[in-house]
Amino acid sequence: MAESNSKSKIDSTREWIVEHKLRSVGCLWLSGIVGSIAYNWSQPGMKTSVRIIHARLHAQALTLAALAGAAVVEYYDHKSGAKSERYAQFLDSKPHKD
């Protein structure tokens, strides 16, 4: 029973990420910047400009990885037909005006 509950959480998380790809990439970028700045600030002997540059580079790498992941999810949805079913369901529910 707990297995089905955790699976539904994973499925709902996946659906949210599919629906909000750009928002999830932006959140990952922001968390990458914050995490990298926090890590670099703990390293002694670095200039502030070097810390900021390192944080930007780490966040840029995370963003590229997130965009690649979003592309894989998009490809999988397109290949499986789940995306076309979602759009067909949306279009069928709208009333037609004559």
C-alpha atoms as a PDB file:
ATOM      1  CA  MET A   1       0.000   0.000   0.000  1.00  0.00           C
ATOM      2  CA  ALA A   2       2.856   2.374   0.802  1.00  0.00           C
ATOM      3  CA  GLU A   3       4.419   1.477  -2.543  1.00  0.00           C
ATOM      4  CA  SER A   4       1.387   2.679  -4.509  1.00  0.00           C
ATOM      5  CA  ASN A   5       1.310   5.894  -2.461  1.00  0.00           C
ATOM      6  CA  SER A   6       4.965   6.672  -3.183  1.00  0.00           C
ATOM      7  CA  LYS A   7       4.471   5.829  -6.837  1.00  0.00           C
ATOM      8  CA  SER A   8       1.616   8.303  -7.089  1.00  0.00           C
ATOM      9  CA  LYS A   9       3.843  10.986  -5.547  1.00  0.00           C
ATOM     10  CA  ILE A  10       6.551  10.235  -8.095  1.00  0.00           C
ATOM     11  CA  ASP A  11       4.001  10.297 -10.902  1.00  0.00           C
ATOM     12  CA  SER A  12       2.497  13.557  -9.698  1.00  0.00           C
ATOM     13  CA  THR A  13       5.980  15.096  -9.414  1.00  0.00           C
ATOM     14  CA  ARG A  14       6.809  13.943 -12.938  1.00  0.00           C
ATOM     15  CA  GLU A  15       3.543  15.371 -14.266  1.00  0.00           C
ATOM     16  CA  TRP A  16       4.255  18.709 -12.570  1.00  0.00           C
ATOM     17  CA  ILE A  17       7.725  18.830 -14.128  1.00  0.00           C
ATOM     18  CA  VAL A  18       6.280  17.983 -17.550  1.00  0.00           C
ATOM     19  CA  GLU A  19       3.706  20.765 -17.224  1.00  0.00           C
ATOM     20  CA  HIS A  20       6.187  23.344 -15.838  1.00  0.00           C
ATOM     21  CA  LYS A  21       9.448  22.625 -17.643  1.00  0.00           C
ATOM     22  CA  LEU A  22      10.749  26.179 -17.703  1.00  0.00           C
ATOM     23  CA  ARG A  23       9.819  26.805 -14.092  1.00  0.00           C
ATOM     24  CA  SER A  24      11.640  23.656 -12.991  1.00  0.00           C
ATOM     25  CA  VAL A  25      14.728  24.599 -15.028  1.00  0.00           C
ATOM     26  CA  GLY A  26      14.648  28.095 -13.502  1.00  0.00           C
ATOM     27  CA  CYS A  27      14.343  26.695  -9.986  1.00  0.00           C
ATOM     28  CA  LEU A  28      17.243  24.348 -10.641  1.00  0.00           C
ATOM     29  CA  TRP A  29      19.324  27.259 -11.957  1.00  0.00           C
ATOM     30  CA  LEU A  30      18.525  29.402  -8.920  1.00  0.00           C
ATOM     31  CA  SER A  31      19.298  26.588  -6.494  1.00  0.00           C
ATOM     32  CA  GLY A  32      22.544  25.940  -8.373  1.00  0.00           C
ATOM     33  CA  ILE A  33      23.596  29.577  -8.017  1.00  0.00           C
ATOM     34  CA  VAL A  34      22.715  29.670  -4.303  1.00  0.00           C
ATOM     35  CA  GLY A  35      24.380  26.334  -3.564  1.00  0.00           C
ATOM     36  CA  SER A  36      27.513  27.189  -5.482  1.00  0.00           C
ATOM     37  CA  ILE A  37      27.839  30.603  -3.833  1.00  0.00           C
ATOM     38  CA  ALA A  38      27.377  28.974  -0.420  1.00  0.00           C
ATOM     39  CA  TYR A  39      30.031  26.382  -1.217  1.00  0.00           C
ATOM     40  CA  ASN A  40      32.489  28.908  -2.684  1.00  0.00           C
ATOM     41  CA  TRP A  41      32.040  31.252   0.271  1.00  0.00           C
ATOM     42  CA  SER A  42      33.245  28.499   2.583  1.00  0.00           C
ATOM     43  CA  GLN A  43      36.497  28.172   0.611  1.00  0.00           C
ATOM     44  CA  PRO A  44      39.165  30.517   2.016  1.00  0.00           C
ATOM     45  CA  GLY A  45      41.565  32.448  -0.175  1.00  0.00           C
ATOM     46  CA  MET A  46      39.262  33.171  -3.116  1.00  0.00           C
ATOM     47  CA  LYS A  47      38.399  36.597  -4.447  1.00  0.00           C
ATOM     48  CA  THR A  48      34.719  37.537  -4.530  1.00  0.00           C
ATOM     49  CA  SER A  49      34.774  37.884  -8.327  1.00  0.00           C
ATOM     50  CA  VAL A  50      36.172  34.345  -8.696  1.00  0.00           C
ATOM     51  CA  ARG A  51      33.472  33.000  -6.364  1.00  0.00           C
ATOM     52  CA  ILE A  52      30.747  34.640  -8.437  1.00  0.00           C
ATOM     53  CA  ILE A  53      32.244  33.369 -11.706  1.00  0.00           C
ATOM     54  CA  HIS A  54      32.438  29.826 -10.330  1.00  0.00           C
ATOM     55  CA  ALA A  55      28.831  30.041  -9.136  1.00  0.00           C
ATOM     56  CA  ARG A  56      27.715  31.183 -12.590  1.00  0.00           C
ATOM     57  CA  LEU A  57      29.616  28.376 -14.302  1.00  0.00           C
ATOM     58  CA  HIS A  58      28.171  25.738 -11.968  1.00  0.00           C
ATOM     59  CA  ALA A  59      24.655  27.070 -12.469  1.00  0.00           C
ATOM     60  CA  GLN A  60      25.178  27.164 -16.230  1.00  0.00           C
ATOM     61  CA  ALA A  61      26.234  23.510 -16.229  1.00  0.00           C
ATOM     62  CA  LEU A  62      23.184  22.587 -14.117  1.00  0.00           C
ATOM     63  CA  THR A  63      20.933  24.501 -16.510  1.00  0.00           C
ATOM     64  CA  LEU A  64      22.324  22.679 -19.530  1.00  0.00           C
ATOM     65  CA  ALA A  65      21.791  19.366 -17.757  1.00  0.00           C
ATOM     66  CA  ALA A  66      18.218  20.366 -16.836  1.00  0.00           C
ATOM     67  CA  LEU A  67      17.469  21.429 -20.413  1.00  0.00           C
ATOM     68  CA  ALA A  68      18.850  18.131 -21.692  1.00  0.00           C
ATOM     69  CA  GLY A  69      16.640  16.321 -19.184  1.00  0.00           C
ATOM     70  CA  ALA A  70      13.619  18.352 -20.285  1.00  0.00           C
ATOM     71  CA  ALA A  71      14.403  17.468 -23.900  1.00  0.00           C
ATOM     72  CA  VAL A  72      14.513  13.769 -22.999  1.00  0.00           C
ATOM     73  CA  VAL A  73      11.166  14.036 -21.202  1.00  0.00           C
ATOM     74  CA  GLU A  74       9.678  15.898 -24.172  1.00  0.00           C
ATOM     75  CA  TYR A  75      10.997  13.259 -26.570  1.00  0.00           C
ATOM     76  CA  TYR A  76       9.605  10.453 -24.414  1.00  0.00           C
ATOM     77  CA  ASP A  77       6.187  12.140 -24.181  1.00  0.00           C
ATOM     78  CA  HIS A  78       6.127  12.730 -27.918  1.00  0.00           C
ATOM     79  CA  LYS A  79       7.233   9.181 -28.698  1.00  0.00           C
ATOM     80  CA  SER A  80       4.760   7.528 -26.317  1.00  0.00           C
ATOM     81  CA  GLY A  81       1.832   9.614 -27.524  1.00  0.00           C
ATOM     82  CA  ALA A  82       1.020  10.913 -24.033  1.00  0.00           C
ATOM     83  CA  LYS A  83       1.406  14.496 -25.189  1.00  0.00           C
ATOM     84  CA  SER A  84      -0.971  14.130 -28.131  1.00  0.00           C
ATOM     85  CA  GLU A  85      -3.549  12.463 -25.860  1.00  0.00           C
ATOM     86  CA  ARG A  86      -3.266  15.354 -23.401  1.00  0.00           C
ATOM     87  CA  TYR A  87      -3.804  17.929 -26.147  1.00  0.00           C
ATOM     88  CA  ALA A  88      -6.675  15.955 -27.682  1.00  0.00           C
ATOM     89  CA  GLN A  89      -8.361  15.753 -24.288  1.00  0.00           C
ATOM     90  CA  PHE A  90      -7.952  19.517 -23.863  1.00  0.00           C
ATOM     91  CA  LEU A  91      -9.318  20.293 -27.315  1.00  0.00           C
ATOM     92  CA  ASP A  92     -12.282  17.921 -26.953  1.00  0.00           C
ATOM     93  CA  SER A  93     -13.396  19.518 -23.710  1.00  0.00           C
ATOM     94  CA  LYS A  94     -13.809  22.988 -25.260  1.00  0.00           C
ATOM     95  CA  PRO A  95     -17.277  23.796 -26.617  1.00  0.00           C
ATOM     96  CA  HIS A  96     -17.348  24.698 -30.290  1.00  0.00           C
ATOM     97  CA  LYS A  97     -18.871  28.004 -31.352  1.00  0.00           C
ATOM     98  CA  ASP A  98     -20.866  28.112 -34.562  1.00  0.00           C
END
